Amino acid sequence: MIADKSEYIRNWLFRANEDIAVIESLSNINIEFYTSTICFHSQQAVEKFLKAFLIFHDVDFPKTHDLDYLIMECQKFDKYSFEIDLKSLSDFGVSVRYPDDFYVPGVTETKE
């Protein structure tokens, strides 16, 4: 792996882990006040981890927040590790961020 590619992957993983840190912090404060933000950062973390995997495998992908698409691309390399149901996590990449699509997930949905 070339150094630039390695650094690029490291940056994706660093950002994904930042999202995880936000999730952990907000979950420990008062989860019911931050459900939409927790779900947003959950979607973002998964998206970044999947993209890092694809970059490692030299896969070009479009600018997308669609986790189902990214998982299908990842399954081309490792079908069994990516047999996961993310439920509606893709929806949280955009829909909870804008007032015109206002949706606040409940605590149970957030924990899922």
N, C-alpha and C. Protein backbone atom coordinates (compact mmCIF):
# COMPACT_ATOMS: atom_id res chain seq x y z
N MET A 1 0.85 -1.18 0.00
CA MET A 1 0.00 0.00 0.00
C MET A 1 0.89 1.24 0.00
N ILE A 2 0.59 2.15 -0.85
CA ILE A 2 1.39 3.37 -0.92
C ILE A 2 1.12 4.25 0.30
N ALA A 3 2.08 5.08 0.65
CA ALA A 3 1.98 5.91 1.86
C ALA A 3 0.76 6.82 1.81
N ASP A 4 0.50 7.45 0.68
CA ASP A 4 -0.64 8.36 0.58
C ASP A 4 -1.96 7.63 0.83
N LYS A 5 -2.08 6.45 0.29
CA LYS A 5 -3.29 5.66 0.48
C LYS A 5 -3.43 5.29 1.96
N SER A 6 -2.34 4.88 2.56
CA SER A 6 -2.35 4.53 3.97
C SER A 6 -2.78 5.71 4.83
N GLU A 7 -2.25 6.88 4.53
CA GLU A 7 -2.61 8.09 5.27
C GLU A 7 -4.08 8.45 5.04
N TYR A 8 -4.55 8.28 3.83
CA TYR A 8 -5.94 8.57 3.50
C TYR A 8 -6.88 7.67 4.30
N ILE A 9 -6.57 6.39 4.35
CA ILE A 9 -7.37 5.44 5.14
C ILE A 9 -7.31 5.81 6.62
N ARG A 10 -6.14 6.14 7.10
CA ARG A 10 -5.98 6.53 8.50
C ARG A 10 -6.87 7.74 8.82
N ASN A 11 -6.95 8.70 7.91
CA ASN A 11 -7.80 9.87 8.11
C ASN A 11 -9.29 9.50 8.18
N TRP A 12 -9.72 8.59 7.29
CA TRP A 12 -11.11 8.13 7.34
C TRP A 12 -11.39 7.46 8.68
N LEU A 13 -10.47 6.63 9.15
CA LEU A 13 -10.67 5.92 10.42
C LEU A 13 -10.63 6.88 11.60
N PHE A 14 -9.77 7.88 11.53
CA PHE A 14 -9.72 8.89 12.59
C PHE A 14 -11.07 9.60 12.69
N ARG A 15 -11.62 10.01 11.57
CA ARG A 15 -12.91 10.71 11.57
C ARG A 15 -14.04 9.80 12.05
N ALA A 16 -14.01 8.54 11.66
CA ALA A 16 -15.02 7.59 12.12
C ALA A 16 -14.95 7.43 13.64
N ASN A 17 -13.75 7.36 14.16
CA ASN A 17 -13.59 7.22 15.61
C ASN A 17 -13.98 8.49 16.35
N GLU A 18 -13.86 9.65 15.70
CA GLU A 18 -14.39 10.88 16.28
C GLU A 18 -15.91 10.78 16.44
N ASP A 19 -16.57 10.24 15.42
CA ASP A 19 -18.02 10.05 15.51
C ASP A 19 -18.37 9.10 16.67
N ILE A 20 -17.60 8.04 16.82
CA ILE A 20 -17.83 7.10 17.92
C ILE A 20 -17.67 7.81 19.27
N ALA A 21 -16.67 8.65 19.39
CA ALA A 21 -16.45 9.39 20.64
C ALA A 21 -17.62 10.31 20.95
N VAL A 22 -18.18 10.95 19.92
CA VAL A 22 -19.35 11.81 20.12
C VAL A 22 -20.53 10.97 20.61
N ILE A 23 -20.74 9.83 19.98
CA ILE A 23 -21.83 8.93 20.37
C ILE A 23 -21.69 8.53 21.84
N GLU A 24 -20.50 8.12 22.22
CA GLU A 24 -20.26 7.69 23.60
C GLU A 24 -20.49 8.83 24.58
N SER A 25 -20.00 10.01 24.24
CA SER A 25 -20.15 11.17 25.13
C SER A 25 -21.62 11.53 25.32
N LEU A 26 -22.34 11.63 24.22
CA LEU A 26 -23.75 12.02 24.32
C LEU A 26 -24.60 10.95 24.97
N SER A 27 -24.26 9.70 24.77
CA SER A 27 -25.01 8.60 25.40
C SER A 27 -24.84 8.62 26.91
N ASN A 28 -23.69 9.06 27.36
CA ASN A 28 -23.42 9.09 28.80
C ASN A 28 -23.96 10.33 29.49
N ILE A 29 -24.29 11.36 28.72
CA ILE A 29 -24.81 12.60 29.33
C ILE A 29 -26.30 12.45 29.61
N ASN A 30 -27.09 12.37 28.57
CA ASN A 30 -28.54 12.28 28.69
C ASN A 30 -29.09 11.89 27.33
N ILE A 31 -29.12 10.62 27.05
CA ILE A 31 -29.40 10.11 25.71
C ILE A 31 -30.69 10.65 25.11
N GLU A 32 -31.74 10.82 25.91
CA GLU A 32 -33.02 11.23 25.32
C GLU A 32 -33.00 12.63 24.71
N PHE A 33 -32.05 13.46 25.08
CA PHE A 33 -31.94 14.80 24.50
C PHE A 33 -31.13 14.82 23.21
N TYR A 34 -30.44 13.74 22.91
CA TYR A 34 -29.49 13.75 21.79
C TYR A 34 -29.70 12.60 20.81
N THR A 35 -30.90 12.04 20.78
CA THR A 35 -31.11 10.85 19.95
C THR A 35 -30.82 11.09 18.47
N SER A 36 -31.29 12.20 17.91
CA SER A 36 -31.06 12.42 16.48
C SER A 36 -29.58 12.64 16.19
N THR A 37 -28.87 13.31 17.08
CA THR A 37 -27.44 13.54 16.89
C THR A 37 -26.66 12.23 17.02
N ILE A 38 -27.06 11.40 17.96
CA ILE A 38 -26.41 10.09 18.13
C ILE A 38 -26.64 9.23 16.88
N CYS A 39 -27.86 9.23 16.37
CA CYS A 39 -28.15 8.44 15.16
C CYS A 39 -27.38 8.99 13.95
N PHE A 40 -27.28 10.30 13.85
CA PHE A 40 -26.52 10.90 12.76
C PHE A 40 -25.06 10.45 12.82
N HIS A 41 -24.45 10.56 13.99
CA HIS A 41 -23.04 10.18 14.12
C HIS A 41 -22.84 8.67 13.98
N SER A 42 -23.85 7.89 14.32
CA SER A 42 -23.78 6.44 14.09
C SER A 42 -23.72 6.14 12.60
N GLN A 43 -24.60 6.79 11.86
CA GLN A 43 -24.59 6.61 10.41
C GLN A 43 -23.26 7.07 9.83
N GLN A 44 -22.77 8.20 10.29
CA GLN A 44 -21.52 8.75 9.78
C GLN A 44 -20.34 7.82 10.08
N ALA A 45 -20.29 7.27 11.28
CA ALA A 45 -19.20 6.36 11.64
C ALA A 45 -19.20 5.12 10.75
N VAL A 46 -20.37 4.51 10.59
CA VAL A 46 -20.47 3.31 9.74
C VAL A 46 -20.07 3.65 8.31
N GLU A 47 -20.57 4.76 7.80
CA GLU A 47 -20.23 5.18 6.44
C GLU A 47 -18.72 5.32 6.27
N LYS A 48 -18.06 5.95 7.21
CA LYS A 48 -16.62 6.17 7.10
C LYS A 48 -15.83 4.87 7.23
N PHE A 49 -16.26 3.97 8.12
CA PHE A 49 -15.58 2.68 8.23
C PHE A 49 -15.71 1.88 6.93
N LEU A 50 -16.92 1.88 6.35
CA LEU A 50 -17.13 1.17 5.09
C LEU A 50 -16.29 1.77 3.96
N LYS A 51 -16.25 3.07 3.90
CA LYS A 51 -15.46 3.73 2.86
C LYS A 51 -13.97 3.45 3.03
N ALA A 52 -13.50 3.41 4.26
CA ALA A 52 -12.09 3.07 4.50
C ALA A 52 -11.78 1.67 3.98
N PHE A 53 -12.70 0.74 4.22
CA PHE A 53 -12.53 -0.63 3.72
C PHE A 53 -12.46 -0.65 2.20
N LEU A 54 -13.35 0.09 1.56
CA LEU A 54 -13.36 0.13 0.09
C LEU A 54 -12.11 0.79 -0.46
N ILE A 55 -11.65 1.83 0.17
CA ILE A 55 -10.41 2.48 -0.26
C ILE A 55 -9.24 1.51 -0.15
N PHE A 56 -9.20 0.75 0.93
CA PHE A 56 -8.15 -0.26 1.11
C PHE A 56 -8.13 -1.22 -0.08
N HIS A 57 -9.33 -1.54 -0.59
CA HIS A 57 -9.46 -2.48 -1.72
C HIS A 57 -9.48 -1.77 -3.07
N ASP A 58 -9.07 -0.49 -3.09
CA ASP A 58 -8.96 0.28 -4.34
C ASP A 58 -10.27 0.41 -5.10
N VAL A 59 -11.37 0.54 -4.37
CA VAL A 59 -12.67 0.71 -4.99
C VAL A 59 -13.02 2.19 -5.03
N ASP A 60 -13.33 2.68 -6.21
CA ASP A 60 -13.86 4.03 -6.36
C ASP A 60 -15.35 3.98 -6.09
N PHE A 61 -15.84 4.94 -5.36
CA PHE A 61 -17.28 4.98 -5.07
C PHE A 61 -17.75 6.43 -5.22
N PRO A 62 -19.03 6.58 -5.55
CA PRO A 62 -19.56 7.94 -5.69
C PRO A 62 -19.74 8.58 -4.31
N LYS A 63 -19.91 9.87 -4.31
CA LYS A 63 -20.21 10.58 -3.08
C LYS A 63 -21.61 10.14 -2.66
N THR A 64 -21.70 9.40 -1.57
CA THR A 64 -22.98 8.83 -1.16
C THR A 64 -23.02 8.65 0.35
N HIS A 65 -24.24 8.67 0.87
CA HIS A 65 -24.47 8.34 2.29
C HIS A 65 -25.24 7.03 2.39
N ASP A 66 -25.43 6.35 1.28
CA ASP A 66 -26.24 5.14 1.21
C ASP A 66 -25.45 3.94 1.74
N LEU A 67 -25.73 3.57 2.97
CA LEU A 67 -25.00 2.46 3.59
C LEU A 67 -25.28 1.13 2.91
N ASP A 68 -26.50 0.94 2.42
CA ASP A 68 -26.82 -0.31 1.74
C ASP A 68 -25.94 -0.48 0.49
N TYR A 69 -25.76 0.59 -0.26
CA TYR A 69 -24.89 0.55 -1.43
C TYR A 69 -23.45 0.23 -1.01
N LEU A 70 -22.96 0.90 0.02
CA LEU A 70 -21.58 0.70 0.47
C LEU A 70 -21.38 -0.73 0.97
N ILE A 71 -22.36 -1.26 1.68
CA ILE A 71 -22.25 -2.65 2.16
C ILE A 71 -22.21 -3.62 0.98
N MET A 72 -23.04 -3.39 -0.02
CA MET A 72 -23.02 -4.28 -1.20
C MET A 72 -21.65 -4.26 -1.87
N GLU A 73 -21.04 -3.09 -1.93
CA GLU A 73 -19.69 -2.99 -2.49
C GLU A 73 -18.68 -3.74 -1.62
N CYS A 74 -18.81 -3.63 -0.31
CA CYS A 74 -17.91 -4.32 0.61
C CYS A 74 -18.08 -5.83 0.53
N GLN A 75 -19.32 -6.28 0.33
CA GLN A 75 -19.60 -7.72 0.24
C GLN A 75 -18.91 -8.38 -0.94
N LYS A 76 -18.54 -7.60 -1.92
CA LYS A 76 -17.81 -8.17 -3.06
C LYS A 76 -16.44 -8.69 -2.64
N PHE A 77 -15.95 -8.22 -1.51
CA PHE A 77 -14.64 -8.64 -1.01
C PHE A 77 -14.76 -9.58 0.18
N ASP A 78 -15.82 -9.43 0.96
CA ASP A 78 -15.97 -10.23 2.18
C ASP A 78 -17.46 -10.33 2.50
N LYS A 79 -18.11 -11.28 1.86
CA LYS A 79 -19.56 -11.39 1.97
C LYS A 79 -20.02 -11.63 3.40
N TYR A 80 -19.36 -12.50 4.12
CA TYR A 80 -19.85 -12.92 5.43
C TYR A 80 -19.66 -11.87 6.52
N SER A 81 -18.61 -11.09 6.43
CA SER A 81 -18.38 -10.04 7.43
C SER A 81 -19.36 -8.89 7.28
N PHE A 82 -19.98 -8.78 6.13
CA PHE A 82 -20.88 -7.66 5.88
C PHE A 82 -22.33 -8.10 5.74
N GLU A 83 -22.67 -9.22 6.35
CA GLU A 83 -24.07 -9.65 6.41
C GLU A 83 -24.68 -9.04 7.67
N ILE A 84 -24.92 -7.75 7.61
CA ILE A 84 -25.47 -7.03 8.75
C ILE A 84 -26.69 -6.23 8.32
N ASP A 85 -27.61 -6.09 9.24
CA ASP A 85 -28.82 -5.32 8.97
C ASP A 85 -28.69 -3.98 9.69
N LEU A 86 -28.52 -2.93 8.93
CA LEU A 86 -28.38 -1.61 9.52
C LEU A 86 -29.73 -0.91 9.68
N LYS A 87 -30.80 -1.68 9.49
CA LYS A 87 -32.15 -1.16 9.60
C LYS A 87 -32.28 0.11 8.78
N SER A 88 -32.67 1.20 9.37
CA SER A 88 -32.85 2.45 8.60
C SER A 88 -31.73 3.45 8.89
N LEU A 89 -30.56 2.95 9.23
CA LEU A 89 -29.46 3.84 9.60
C LEU A 89 -29.09 4.81 8.48
N SER A 90 -29.22 4.39 7.24
CA SER A 90 -28.92 5.29 6.11
C SER A 90 -29.75 6.56 6.17
N ASP A 91 -30.98 6.45 6.66
CA ASP A 91 -31.87 7.61 6.73
C ASP A 91 -31.31 8.70 7.63
N PHE A 92 -30.51 8.34 8.59
CA PHE A 92 -30.00 9.32 9.55
C PHE A 92 -28.81 10.11 9.01
N GLY A 93 -28.33 9.76 7.85
CA GLY A 93 -27.23 10.51 7.27
C GLY A 93 -27.64 11.90 6.84
N VAL A 94 -28.90 12.07 6.54
CA VAL A 94 -29.36 13.36 6.07
C VAL A 94 -30.65 13.79 6.76
N SER A 95 -31.61 12.89 6.86
CA SER A 95 -32.97 13.29 7.24
C SER A 95 -33.09 13.93 8.63
N VAL A 96 -32.29 13.54 9.58
CA VAL A 96 -32.42 14.14 10.91
C VAL A 96 -31.67 15.45 11.03
N ARG A 97 -30.99 15.87 9.99
CA ARG A 97 -30.16 17.07 10.07
C ARG A 97 -30.87 18.34 9.64
N TYR A 98 -32.03 18.22 9.00
CA TYR A 98 -32.68 19.40 8.44
C TYR A 98 -34.09 19.56 8.99
N PRO A 99 -34.48 20.79 9.32
CA PRO A 99 -35.78 21.02 9.94
C PRO A 99 -36.98 20.61 9.08
N ASP A 100 -36.86 20.67 7.75
CA ASP A 100 -37.99 20.31 6.91
C ASP A 100 -38.24 18.80 6.89
N ASP A 101 -37.27 18.02 7.30
CA ASP A 101 -37.43 16.57 7.43
C ASP A 101 -37.33 16.17 8.89
N PHE A 102 -37.89 16.99 9.75
CA PHE A 102 -37.71 16.85 11.18
C PHE A 102 -38.23 15.50 11.69
N TYR A 103 -37.34 14.75 12.30
CA TYR A 103 -37.69 13.47 12.90
C TYR A 103 -36.77 13.24 14.08
N VAL A 104 -37.35 12.96 15.22
CA VAL A 104 -36.55 12.69 16.41
C VAL A 104 -36.79 11.23 16.79
N PRO A 105 -35.76 10.39 16.65
CA PRO A 105 -35.91 8.98 17.01
C PRO A 105 -36.04 8.83 18.53
N GLY A 106 -36.74 7.79 18.94
CA GLY A 106 -36.85 7.51 20.36
C GLY A 106 -35.58 6.86 20.90
N VAL A 107 -35.51 6.73 22.20
CA VAL A 107 -34.33 6.15 22.84
C VAL A 107 -34.12 4.71 22.39
N THR A 108 -35.19 3.93 22.30
CA THR A 108 -35.06 2.53 21.89
C THR A 108 -34.49 2.43 20.48
N GLU A 109 -35.03 3.23 19.56
CA GLU A 109 -34.53 3.23 18.18
C GLU A 109 -33.07 3.69 18.14
N THR A 110 -32.74 4.65 18.94
CA THR A 110 -31.37 5.16 18.99
C THR A 110 -30.40 4.08 19.46
N LYS A 111 -30.79 3.34 20.47
CA LYS A 111 -29.93 2.27 20.98
C LYS A 111 -29.76 1.14 19.97
N GLU A 112 -30.79 0.88 19.18
CA GLU A 112 -30.67 -0.15 18.13
C GLU A 112 -29.65 0.26 17.13
